[in-house]
Amino acid sequence: MLQAKQVGVRGPSKENFLKKFYKLSKLGLQRNKF
């Protein structure tokens, strides 16, 4: 997760990271994270 975050912040990969994070949140990680 940390590596993905760093890469996302560095370049345009941020969109992909956000999309993946959103998908994971939808699955149920939202409970754990938020």
PDB file of N, CA and C in Angstrom:
ATOM      1  N   MET A   1       0.842  -1.207   0.000  1.00  0.00           N
ATOM      2  CA  MET A   1       0.000   0.000   0.000  1.00  0.00           C
ATOM      3  C   MET A   1       0.875   1.255   0.000  1.00  0.00           C
ATOM      4  N   LEU A   2       1.912   1.246   0.843  1.00  0.00           N
ATOM      5  CA  LEU A   2       2.766   2.432   0.927  1.00  0.00           C
ATOM      6  C   LEU A   2       3.424   2.711  -0.420  1.00  0.00           C
ATOM      7  N   GLN A   3       3.969   1.647  -1.049  1.00  0.00           N
ATOM      8  CA  GLN A   3       4.627   1.830  -2.343  1.00  0.00           C
ATOM      9  C   GLN A   3       3.634   2.384  -3.356  1.00  0.00           C
ATOM     10  N   ALA A   4       2.450   1.811  -3.391  1.00  0.00           N
ATOM     11  CA  ALA A   4       1.431   2.272  -4.344  1.00  0.00           C
ATOM     12  C   ALA A   4       1.121   3.741  -4.097  1.00  0.00           C
ATOM     13  N   LYS A   5       1.051   4.113  -2.822  1.00  0.00           N
ATOM     14  CA  LYS A   5       0.753   5.515  -2.489  1.00  0.00           C
ATOM     15  C   LYS A   5       1.860   6.414  -3.019  1.00  0.00           C
ATOM     16  N   GLN A   6       3.112   6.041  -2.764  1.00  0.00           N
ATOM     17  CA  GLN A   6       4.234   6.866  -3.218  1.00  0.00           C
ATOM     18  C   GLN A   6       4.202   7.020  -4.731  1.00  0.00           C
ATOM     19  N   VAL A   7       4.005   5.915  -5.438  1.00  0.00           N
ATOM     20  CA  VAL A   7       3.972   5.966  -6.903  1.00  0.00           C
ATOM     21  C   VAL A   7       2.820   6.848  -7.362  1.00  0.00           C
ATOM     22  N   GLY A   8       1.670   6.712  -6.700  1.00  0.00           N
ATOM     23  CA  GLY A   8       0.506   7.513  -7.082  1.00  0.00           C
ATOM     24  C   GLY A   8       0.788   8.997  -6.909  1.00  0.00           C
ATOM     25  N   VAL A   9       1.411   9.350  -5.787  1.00  0.00           N
ATOM     26  CA  VAL A   9       1.690  10.764  -5.521  1.00  0.00           C
ATOM     27  C   VAL A   9       2.721  11.287  -6.516  1.00  0.00           C
ATOM     28  N   ARG A  10       3.645  10.415  -6.908  1.00  0.00           N
ATOM     29  CA  ARG A  10       4.720  10.847  -7.807  1.00  0.00           C
ATOM     30  C   ARG A  10       4.189  11.226  -9.179  1.00  0.00           C
ATOM     31  N   GLY A  11       3.393  10.346  -9.763  1.00  0.00           N
ATOM     32  CA  GLY A  11       2.982  10.588 -11.151  1.00  0.00           C
ATOM     33  C   GLY A  11       1.489  10.452 -11.368  1.00  0.00           C
ATOM     34  N   PRO A  12       1.100  10.328 -12.626  1.00  0.00           N
ATOM     35  CA  PRO A  12      -0.312  10.222 -13.005  1.00  0.00           C
ATOM     36  C   PRO A  12      -0.936   8.911 -12.550  1.00  0.00           C
ATOM     37  N   SER A  13      -0.127   8.021 -11.992  1.00  0.00           N
ATOM     38  CA  SER A  13      -0.659   6.740 -11.512  1.00  0.00           C
ATOM     39  C   SER A  13      -1.628   6.955 -10.358  1.00  0.00           C
ATOM     40  N   LYS A  14      -1.691   8.196  -9.867  1.00  0.00           N
ATOM     41  CA  LYS A  14      -2.582   8.501  -8.742  1.00  0.00           C
ATOM     42  C   LYS A  14      -4.012   8.091  -9.081  1.00  0.00           C
ATOM     43  N   GLU A  15      -4.424   8.343 -10.319  1.00  0.00           N
ATOM     44  CA  GLU A  15      -5.796   8.000 -10.720  1.00  0.00           C
ATOM     45  C   GLU A  15      -6.024   6.502 -10.575  1.00  0.00           C
ATOM     46  N   ASN A  16      -5.064   5.711 -11.066  1.00  0.00           N
ATOM     47  CA  ASN A  16      -5.197   4.257 -10.971  1.00  0.00           C
ATOM     48  C   ASN A  16      -5.259   3.830  -9.515  1.00  0.00           C
ATOM     49  N   PHE A  17      -4.398   4.424  -8.691  1.00  0.00           N
ATOM     50  CA  PHE A  17      -4.375   4.081  -7.269  1.00  0.00           C
ATOM     51  C   PHE A  17      -5.720   4.397  -6.632  1.00  0.00           C
ATOM     52  N   LEU A  18      -6.258   5.571  -6.943  1.00  0.00           N
ATOM     53  CA  LEU A  18      -7.549   5.968  -6.372  1.00  0.00           C
ATOM     54  C   LEU A  18      -8.638   5.002  -6.812  1.00  0.00           C
ATOM     55  N   LYS A  19      -8.609   4.622  -8.092  1.00  0.00           N
ATOM     56  CA  LYS A  19      -9.621   3.690  -8.607  1.00  0.00           C
ATOM     57  C   LYS A  19      -9.523   2.363  -7.872  1.00  0.00           C
ATOM     58  N   LYS A  20      -8.287   1.842  -7.720  1.00  0.00           N
ATOM     59  CA  LYS A  20      -8.102   0.564  -7.025  1.00  0.00           C
ATOM     60  C   LYS A  20      -8.570   0.692  -5.584  1.00  0.00           C
ATOM     61  N   PHE A  21      -8.165   1.789  -4.937  1.00  0.00           N
ATOM     62  CA  PHE A  21      -8.542   1.999  -3.541  1.00  0.00           C
ATOM     63  C   PHE A  21     -10.057   2.072  -3.411  1.00  0.00           C
ATOM     64  N   TYR A  22     -10.701   2.743  -4.355  1.00  0.00           N
ATOM     65  CA  TYR A  22     -12.156   2.882  -4.322  1.00  0.00           C
ATOM     66  C   TYR A  22     -12.809   1.516  -4.464  1.00  0.00           C
ATOM     67  N   LYS A  23     -12.271   0.709  -5.393  1.00  0.00           N
ATOM     68  CA  LYS A  23     -12.819  -0.640  -5.599  1.00  0.00           C
ATOM     69  C   LYS A  23     -12.668  -1.447  -4.318  1.00  0.00           C
ATOM     70  N   LEU A  24     -11.473  -1.395  -3.716  1.00  0.00           N
ATOM     71  CA  LEU A  24     -11.238  -2.152  -2.478  1.00  0.00           C
ATOM     72  C   LEU A  24     -12.182  -1.663  -1.391  1.00  0.00           C
ATOM     73  N   SER A  25     -12.356  -0.362  -1.310  1.00  0.00           N
ATOM     74  CA  SER A  25     -13.250   0.204  -0.296  1.00  0.00           C
ATOM     75  C   SER A  25     -14.660  -0.321  -0.509  1.00  0.00           C
ATOM     76  N   LYS A  26     -15.064  -0.408  -1.774  1.00  0.00           N
ATOM     77  CA  LYS A  26     -16.405  -0.903  -2.089  1.00  0.00           C
ATOM     78  C   LYS A  26     -16.554  -2.341  -1.607  1.00  0.00           C
ATOM     79  N   LEU A  27     -15.483  -3.132  -1.757  1.00  0.00           N
ATOM     80  CA  LEU A  27     -15.547  -4.549  -1.384  1.00  0.00           C
ATOM     81  C   LEU A  27     -15.791  -4.699   0.112  1.00  0.00           C
ATOM     82  N   GLY A  28     -15.191  -3.829   0.926  1.00  0.00           N
ATOM     83  CA  GLY A  28     -15.417  -3.947   2.361  1.00  0.00           C
ATOM     84  C   GLY A  28     -14.249  -3.440   3.188  1.00  0.00           C
ATOM     85  N   LEU A  29     -13.144  -3.089   2.539  1.00  0.00           N
ATOM     86  CA  LEU A  29     -12.008  -2.563   3.294  1.00  0.00           C
ATOM     87  C   LEU A  29     -12.352  -1.212   3.899  1.00  0.00           C
ATOM     88  N   GLN A  30     -13.421  -0.603   3.380  1.00  0.00           N
ATOM     89  CA  GLN A  30     -13.847   0.702   3.893  1.00  0.00           C
ATOM     90  C   GLN A  30     -14.054   0.603   5.402  1.00  0.00           C
ATOM     91  N   ARG A  31     -14.551  -0.532   5.850  1.00  0.00           N
ATOM     92  CA  ARG A  31     -14.767  -0.732   7.291  1.00  0.00           C
ATOM     93  C   ARG A  31     -13.449  -0.628   8.039  1.00  0.00           C
ATOM     94  N   ASN A  32     -12.417  -1.314   7.507  1.00  0.00           N
ATOM     95  CA  ASN A  32     -11.129  -1.342   8.194  1.00  0.00           C
ATOM     96  C   ASN A  32     -10.419   0.009   8.119  1.00  0.00           C
ATOM     97  N   LYS A  33     -10.465   0.627   6.947  1.00  0.00           N
ATOM     98  CA  LYS A  33      -9.732   1.880   6.763  1.00  0.00           C
ATOM     99  C   LYS A  33     -10.459   3.039   7.436  1.00  0.00           C
ATOM    100  N   PHE A  34     -11.742   3.167   7.151  1.00  0.00           N
ATOM    101  CA  PHE A  34     -12.501   4.277   7.722  1.00  0.00           C
ATOM    102  C   PHE A  34     -13.399   3.772   8.838  1.00  0.00           C
TER     103      PHE A  34
END
